[in-house]
Amino acid sequence: MAQDADFTCIADPPLELAQRGIDCLLAGPERPGISRRLEIRARRPGFDALCQQYNISIRKQVLCLENDSLTVVCLWVPNPGKTATCYLPPTRYLQGQERQTATCLQTALSGATAAGMKMIQGVFDAGDKSLQGIYQAAGYDRLAILQFMMHSARWDMPVMHLPNGYHLETYRPANHELFKQAIGASYEQTLDCQKMAGLRSLDDVILGHQHAGTFDPELWFVLVYESRGVGVLLLTANHALKSLDVTYLGLALPHRGRHLGCFFMTRIKKAMRLISARASLLAVDEANIPAVALYQHAGYRPKQRREVYFAPLEIGPGNGGV
C-alpha cells in the first residue's frame, strides 16, 4: 500500500474492490452523482470474455482511493516469457490524476518484480505527452515508437528461392536450439527495441513469442546455414480477424544484405494463402529503418504509431518466476 496525504494506492485488492477497479478502468473514475452504468454495461462483457480467454487475473491491480472513491487504476498482466503489460484508463480520465497514476505505475513495479517478471511495459498512442510524463515520473523509459503495419492479401512480389547453402526448417522440439541460436544472433547490432537486449533468457523470449497468439509450429521458420540458425520468421494466425501476424523476423548480422528478408516476405505470402488470411499485420520499431523499408517494399502500409515505455526489473532473493 502506498500512502499519500491526498490518496491511497492499494495493490492486489480483494475481489469486490477489484471488480470496482475494472469498472474504473473501462468507464472512468467514481464520481458522486455521475452514473457510468451504460458504459460499464457496454464494455464489461467483452472485457470479461477476454480475461477468461487469456486467464487474466483482475486482482493484479493497483487502485487509487480518494475519499473512498476510486479515481485511477493500473491493471498489470503478467505474460509468459517474464514480461508484464500495464493497462490504464483512457487519457481523458487521467487529467488531474497524473501524480496518482504515476504512483500506481510505480507500485506495479513491485508486484511484477515479486511475480518474477524481467520487464514491465505500457503502450499508448504516439505523441501523448500526458502519458509520456506520467510514465517518466513513475521511472519508466521509452523503449520504442512502433509502426503498426498491414498488408492486404494481394501480393505482387515474385517468388524467390534461397541462395545455395541455406535451407528452411519449421519448428519442432528437436531443433529448438537452432531457433535459440538464430534469435540470439539476430540481436547483434539490432536496431529494434535495443534496450531490451539481454533482459531475458532466449528460452523466455521464445516462450513469450509462443504465447503471442495460437502457436502453430508449421508457421515458425528457422533459416539454417552450415548447420547454424542464422535467421528466423515467426508467424501467428489470427483466425478471428482472418489475418497472419508477423510475431518476429530477424537475421544474424553476417547474413543481412543478401535479400534473405525478401525471401521471408515471399514465405509470408505463401503462409497467407495456406491459411486463407485476408491481411498480414506486424509492428516494427520505426528506428529500424532497413526493416521499415523492407516491409514497405513488400507492400505493408502504416496504420498506427504507438509508443512503448518500459522498466527493467531486478528479481530479488526469494522471488520466483511464474
Protein backbone atom coordinates (compact mmCIF):
# COMPACT_ATOMS: atom_id res chain seq x y z
CA MET A 1 0.00 0.00 0.00
CA ALA A 2 1.30 3.46 -0.96
CA GLN A 3 0.08 6.29 1.24
CA ASP A 4 -0.07 9.96 0.29
CA ALA A 5 -1.59 12.91 2.07
CA ASP A 6 -4.35 13.08 -0.56
CA PHE A 7 -4.80 9.47 -1.70
CA THR A 8 -4.05 5.83 -1.01
CA CYS A 9 -2.85 3.23 -3.52
CA ILE A 10 -3.83 -0.38 -2.86
CA ALA A 11 -2.16 -3.32 -4.61
CA ASP A 12 -3.77 -6.76 -5.10
CA PRO A 13 -7.19 -5.62 -3.83
CA PRO A 14 -9.85 -8.06 -2.62
CA LEU A 15 -12.19 -9.30 -5.35
CA GLU A 16 -15.07 -6.90 -4.65
CA LEU A 17 -12.74 -3.88 -4.83
CA ALA A 18 -11.02 -5.35 -7.89
CA GLN A 19 -14.39 -5.51 -9.67
CA ARG A 20 -14.86 -1.80 -8.97
CA GLY A 21 -11.35 -1.26 -10.30
CA ILE A 22 -12.21 -2.86 -13.64
CA ASP A 23 -15.26 -0.59 -13.93
CA CYS A 24 -12.91 2.34 -13.32
CA LEU A 25 -10.54 1.05 -16.00
CA LEU A 26 -13.32 0.81 -18.56
CA ALA A 27 -15.58 3.74 -17.67
CA GLY A 28 -13.55 6.22 -15.68
CA PRO A 29 -13.41 7.32 -12.03
CA GLU A 30 -16.16 7.01 -9.45
CA ARG A 31 -17.74 10.43 -9.03
CA PRO A 32 -20.70 11.34 -6.83
CA GLY A 33 -23.85 11.90 -8.83
CA ILE A 34 -22.36 10.65 -12.12
CA SER A 35 -23.60 7.31 -13.44
CA ARG A 36 -21.31 5.08 -15.53
CA ARG A 37 -23.87 2.31 -15.87
CA LEU A 38 -24.26 2.47 -19.66
CA GLU A 39 -20.51 2.50 -20.32
CA ILE A 40 -19.92 -0.40 -17.94
CA ARG A 41 -22.80 -2.41 -19.40
CA ALA A 42 -21.46 -1.88 -22.93
CA ARG A 43 -17.80 -2.66 -22.22
CA ARG A 44 -17.70 -5.13 -19.35
CA PRO A 45 -18.92 -8.31 -21.12
CA GLY A 46 -16.22 -8.09 -23.78
CA PHE A 47 -13.55 -7.43 -21.17
CA ASP A 48 -14.70 -10.35 -19.01
CA ALA A 49 -14.62 -12.65 -22.04
CA LEU A 50 -11.06 -11.52 -22.79
CA CYS A 51 -9.99 -12.23 -19.21
CA GLN A 52 -11.48 -15.71 -19.39
CA GLN A 53 -9.88 -16.44 -22.76
CA TYR A 54 -6.39 -15.40 -21.65
CA ASN A 55 -6.68 -16.35 -17.98
CA ILE A 56 -6.15 -12.77 -16.76
CA SER A 57 -6.41 -12.20 -13.02
CA ILE A 58 -8.27 -8.96 -12.33
CA ARG A 59 -6.71 -8.77 -8.87
CA LYS A 60 -3.34 -7.78 -10.31
CA GLN A 61 -4.27 -4.15 -9.97
CA VAL A 62 -3.10 -1.04 -8.22
CA LEU A 63 -6.03 1.18 -7.22
CA CYS A 64 -6.07 4.81 -6.14
CA LEU A 65 -8.63 5.68 -3.46
CA GLU A 66 -9.62 9.26 -2.63
CA ASN A 67 -12.35 9.73 -0.03
CA ASP A 68 -13.47 6.11 -0.58
CA SER A 69 -13.90 6.70 -4.34
CA LEU A 70 -11.73 5.02 -6.99
CA THR A 71 -10.06 7.58 -9.21
CA VAL A 72 -7.30 5.66 -11.03
CA VAL A 73 -6.48 2.03 -11.67
CA CYS A 74 -3.48 0.26 -13.21
CA LEU A 75 -4.09 -3.34 -14.26
CA TRP A 76 -0.84 -5.20 -14.89
CA VAL A 77 -0.91 -8.50 -16.74
CA PRO A 78 1.99 -10.98 -16.44
CA ASN A 79 2.79 -12.75 -19.68
CA PRO A 80 4.70 -15.98 -20.35
CA GLY A 81 8.27 -15.04 -21.15
CA LYS A 82 8.54 -12.93 -17.96
CA THR A 83 7.13 -9.67 -19.30
CA ALA A 84 4.21 -7.72 -17.86
CA THR A 85 1.99 -5.13 -19.53
CA CYS A 86 0.24 -2.21 -17.81
CA TYR A 87 -3.25 -1.04 -18.76
CA LEU A 88 -4.60 2.36 -17.73
CA PRO A 89 -7.94 4.12 -18.27
CA PRO A 90 -8.16 6.34 -21.38
CA THR A 91 -6.10 9.54 -21.10
CA ARG A 92 -9.20 11.74 -20.77
CA TYR A 93 -9.91 10.12 -17.41
CA LEU A 94 -6.38 10.80 -16.11
CA GLN A 95 -6.49 14.60 -16.32
CA GLY A 96 -5.72 15.98 -12.88
CA GLN A 97 -4.68 12.49 -11.72
CA GLU A 98 -1.13 12.44 -13.07
CA ARG A 99 0.58 12.03 -9.67
CA GLN A 100 -1.85 9.31 -8.62
CA THR A 101 -1.38 7.44 -11.91
CA ALA A 102 2.41 7.59 -11.63
CA THR A 103 2.20 6.20 -8.09
CA CYS A 104 0.04 3.31 -9.33
CA LEU A 105 2.59 2.54 -12.06
CA GLN A 106 5.44 2.66 -9.55
CA THR A 107 3.60 0.27 -7.25
CA ALA A 108 3.00 -2.11 -10.16
CA LEU A 109 6.79 -2.42 -10.50
CA SER A 110 6.98 -4.09 -7.10
CA GLY A 111 4.17 -6.52 -7.90
CA ALA A 112 5.68 -7.52 -11.22
CA THR A 113 9.12 -7.96 -9.67
CA ALA A 114 7.69 -10.21 -6.94
CA ALA A 115 5.97 -12.29 -9.65
CA GLY A 116 9.32 -12.97 -11.34
CA MET A 117 8.90 -10.65 -14.31
CA LYS A 118 12.03 -9.31 -16.01
CA MET A 119 10.40 -6.21 -17.50
CA ILE A 120 7.13 -4.28 -17.44
CA GLN A 121 5.76 -2.08 -20.21
CA GLY A 122 2.94 0.22 -21.21
CA VAL A 123 1.80 1.02 -24.75
CA PHE A 124 -0.13 4.11 -25.86
CA ASP A 125 -0.75 6.35 -28.87
CA ALA A 126 2.43 8.05 -30.05
CA GLY A 127 2.76 11.69 -29.07
CA ASP A 128 0.55 11.53 -25.96
CA LYS A 129 2.58 13.97 -23.85
CA SER A 130 0.43 13.40 -20.78
CA LEU A 131 1.21 9.68 -20.69
CA GLN A 132 4.84 10.30 -21.58
CA GLY A 133 5.17 12.47 -18.47
CA ILE A 134 3.28 10.01 -16.26
CA TYR A 135 5.43 7.03 -17.26
CA GLN A 136 8.64 9.04 -16.90
CA ALA A 137 7.58 10.22 -13.43
CA ALA A 138 6.99 6.57 -12.50
CA GLY A 139 10.53 5.59 -13.52
CA TYR A 140 9.77 4.07 -16.93
CA ASP A 141 11.91 4.79 -20.01
CA ARG A 142 10.87 4.99 -23.64
CA LEU A 143 11.69 1.73 -25.39
CA ALA A 144 10.45 2.42 -28.91
CA ILE A 145 7.94 4.04 -31.19
CA LEU A 146 6.27 1.22 -33.06
CA GLN A 147 4.75 1.40 -36.51
CA PHE A 148 1.85 -0.99 -36.84
CA MET A 149 1.65 -2.00 -40.50
CA MET A 150 -0.78 -4.02 -42.59
CA HIS A 151 -0.68 -5.78 -45.94
CA SER A 152 -3.70 -6.97 -47.88
CA ALA A 153 -3.89 -10.48 -49.27
CA ARG A 154 -2.88 -9.25 -52.75
CA TRP A 155 0.89 -9.57 -53.23
CA ASP A 156 2.89 -8.67 -56.32
CA MET A 157 6.31 -9.87 -55.15
CA PRO A 158 7.87 -12.53 -57.38
CA VAL A 159 8.68 -15.97 -55.99
CA MET A 160 12.21 -16.10 -54.59
CA HIS A 161 14.45 -19.05 -53.85
CA LEU A 162 17.11 -19.39 -51.19
CA PRO A 163 20.77 -18.99 -52.18
CA ASN A 164 22.93 -22.11 -52.19
CA GLY A 165 23.83 -23.38 -48.74
CA TYR A 166 20.67 -22.22 -46.98
CA HIS A 167 17.63 -24.25 -46.06
CA LEU A 168 14.47 -23.63 -44.04
CA GLU A 169 13.03 -25.72 -41.21
CA THR A 170 9.76 -25.42 -39.30
CA TYR A 171 9.72 -25.65 -35.52
CA ARG A 172 9.91 -28.94 -33.64
CA PRO A 173 11.40 -29.76 -30.25
CA ALA A 174 14.45 -31.32 -31.91
CA ASN A 175 15.51 -28.01 -33.50
CA HIS A 176 14.62 -25.73 -30.57
CA GLU A 177 18.32 -24.88 -30.15
CA LEU A 178 18.51 -23.69 -33.77
CA PHE A 179 15.71 -21.21 -33.07
CA LYS A 180 17.50 -20.01 -29.94
CA GLN A 181 20.71 -19.66 -31.90
CA ALA A 182 19.05 -17.68 -34.69
CA ILE A 183 17.14 -15.36 -32.38
CA GLY A 184 20.23 -14.68 -30.27
CA ALA A 185 22.33 -13.96 -33.36
CA SER A 186 19.66 -11.59 -34.71
CA TYR A 187 20.10 -9.32 -31.68
CA GLU A 188 23.67 -8.39 -32.65
CA GLN A 189 23.68 -4.71 -33.69
CA THR A 190 19.89 -4.80 -33.87
CA LEU A 191 18.00 -1.57 -34.47
CA ASP A 192 14.81 -2.98 -33.00
CA CYS A 193 13.99 -2.23 -29.33
CA GLN A 194 17.68 -2.14 -28.43
CA LYS A 195 17.16 -1.52 -24.69
CA MET A 196 15.56 -4.95 -24.29
CA ALA A 197 18.73 -6.80 -25.27
CA GLY A 198 19.86 -9.22 -22.58
CA LEU A 199 16.94 -8.67 -20.20
CA ARG A 200 15.50 -12.15 -20.67
CA SER A 201 16.86 -15.59 -21.49
CA LEU A 202 16.31 -16.86 -25.02
CA ASP A 203 14.03 -19.60 -23.68
CA ASP A 204 11.86 -16.90 -22.07
CA VAL A 205 11.85 -14.93 -25.32
CA ILE A 206 10.68 -17.98 -27.27
CA LEU A 207 8.02 -18.78 -24.67
CA GLY A 208 6.72 -15.21 -24.95
CA HIS A 209 6.53 -15.47 -28.74
CA GLN A 210 4.71 -18.81 -28.49
CA HIS A 211 2.04 -17.15 -26.36
CA ALA A 212 1.58 -14.15 -28.67
CA GLY A 213 -1.45 -15.99 -30.06
CA THR A 214 -2.29 -19.54 -31.07
CA PHE A 215 1.07 -21.21 -31.57
CA ASP A 216 1.39 -23.26 -34.77
CA PRO A 217 4.84 -24.84 -35.24
CA GLU A 218 4.21 -25.04 -39.01
CA LEU A 219 4.25 -21.23 -39.11
CA TRP A 220 7.61 -20.89 -37.34
CA PHE A 221 10.66 -20.97 -39.63
CA VAL A 222 14.38 -21.04 -38.92
CA LEU A 223 16.92 -20.34 -41.65
CA VAL A 224 19.91 -22.68 -41.43
CA TYR A 225 23.38 -22.17 -42.92
CA GLU A 226 26.24 -24.58 -42.29
CA SER A 227 24.22 -26.26 -39.51
CA ARG A 228 23.68 -22.97 -37.66
CA GLY A 229 20.49 -20.99 -37.18
CA VAL A 230 21.05 -17.63 -38.89
CA GLY A 231 17.53 -16.28 -39.38
CA VAL A 232 14.05 -16.68 -38.02
CA LEU A 233 10.49 -15.90 -39.10
CA LEU A 234 7.76 -16.43 -36.51
CA LEU A 235 4.16 -16.14 -37.72
CA THR A 236 0.90 -16.35 -35.80
CA ALA A 237 -2.50 -16.95 -37.37
CA ASN A 238 -5.32 -14.77 -36.03
CA HIS A 239 -8.34 -16.74 -37.17
CA ALA A 240 -10.84 -14.31 -35.62
CA LEU A 241 -9.51 -11.45 -37.78
CA LYS A 242 -8.54 -13.73 -40.69
CA SER A 243 -5.03 -12.29 -40.52
CA LEU A 244 -1.47 -13.54 -40.26
CA ASP A 245 0.66 -11.69 -37.71
CA VAL A 246 4.42 -11.37 -38.03
CA THR A 247 5.48 -12.03 -34.44
CA TYR A 248 9.21 -11.75 -35.09
CA LEU A 249 11.63 -11.59 -38.02
CA GLY A 250 15.40 -11.41 -37.59
CA LEU A 251 18.67 -12.24 -39.32
CA ALA A 252 22.19 -12.76 -37.99
CA LEU A 253 24.49 -9.85 -38.81
CA PRO A 254 26.72 -11.65 -41.40
CA HIS A 255 23.61 -12.72 -43.35
CA ARG A 256 21.98 -9.31 -43.72
CA GLY A 257 22.08 -7.60 -47.10
CA ARG A 258 21.67 -10.88 -49.02
CA HIS A 259 17.98 -10.40 -49.89
CA LEU A 260 17.01 -13.02 -47.31
CA GLY A 261 14.48 -10.59 -45.87
CA CYS A 262 12.79 -10.50 -49.27
CA PHE A 263 12.71 -14.29 -49.26
CA PHE A 264 10.95 -14.17 -45.89
CA MET A 265 8.36 -11.81 -47.41
CA THR A 266 7.52 -14.41 -50.05
CA ARG A 267 7.25 -17.02 -47.28
CA ILE A 268 4.69 -14.79 -45.53
CA LYS A 269 2.75 -14.58 -48.79
CA LYS A 270 2.74 -18.38 -49.09
CA ALA A 271 1.60 -18.80 -45.47
CA MET A 272 -1.25 -16.31 -46.00
CA ARG A 273 -2.53 -18.39 -48.87
CA LEU A 274 -2.20 -21.55 -46.82
CA ILE A 275 -4.47 -20.26 -44.03
CA SER A 276 -6.68 -18.09 -46.32
CA ALA A 277 -5.68 -14.91 -44.48
CA ARG A 278 -7.06 -11.62 -45.77
CA ALA A 279 -4.28 -9.48 -44.32
CA SER A 280 -0.91 -9.60 -42.61
CA LEU A 281 -0.14 -7.42 -39.58
CA LEU A 282 3.13 -6.51 -37.87
CA ALA A 283 4.73 -3.98 -35.54
CA VAL A 284 8.24 -2.62 -36.11
CA ASP A 285 10.44 -0.15 -34.26
CA GLU A 286 10.46 2.88 -36.56
CA ALA A 287 14.14 3.40 -35.68
CA ASN A 288 14.82 0.17 -37.60
CA ILE A 289 14.89 1.94 -40.96
CA PRO A 290 16.08 -1.08 -43.02
CA ALA A 291 13.22 -3.23 -41.66
CA VAL A 292 10.64 -0.49 -42.31
CA ALA A 293 11.97 -0.18 -45.88
CA LEU A 294 11.76 -3.95 -46.39
CA TYR A 295 8.13 -4.06 -45.25
CA GLN A 296 7.17 -1.03 -47.33
CA HIS A 297 8.81 -2.56 -50.40
CA ALA A 298 6.77 -5.72 -49.80
CA GLY A 299 3.56 -3.67 -49.71
CA TYR A 300 2.97 -3.14 -45.98
CA ARG A 301 1.45 0.23 -45.13
CA PRO A 302 1.49 2.04 -41.76
CA LYS A 303 -1.80 2.05 -39.88
CA GLN A 304 -0.91 3.37 -36.42
CA ARG A 305 2.03 4.63 -34.34
CA ARG A 306 2.32 3.58 -30.69
CA GLU A 307 4.89 4.37 -28.02
CA VAL A 308 6.25 1.76 -25.63
CA TYR A 309 7.59 2.73 -22.21
CA PHE A 310 9.23 0.07 -20.07
CA ALA A 311 11.17 -0.62 -16.89
CA PRO A 312 13.63 -3.50 -16.44
CA LEU A 313 13.04 -5.40 -13.23
CA GLU A 314 15.55 -6.95 -10.85
CA ILE A 315 14.44 -10.20 -9.26
CA GLY A 316 15.42 -10.18 -5.61
CA PRO A 317 16.36 -13.17 -3.43
CA GLY A 318 13.47 -15.49 -2.86
CA ASN A 319 11.39 -14.16 -5.77
CA GLY A 320 10.45 -16.93 -8.16
CA GLY A 321 9.12 -16.91 -11.69
CA VAL A 322 5.63 -17.86 -12.76
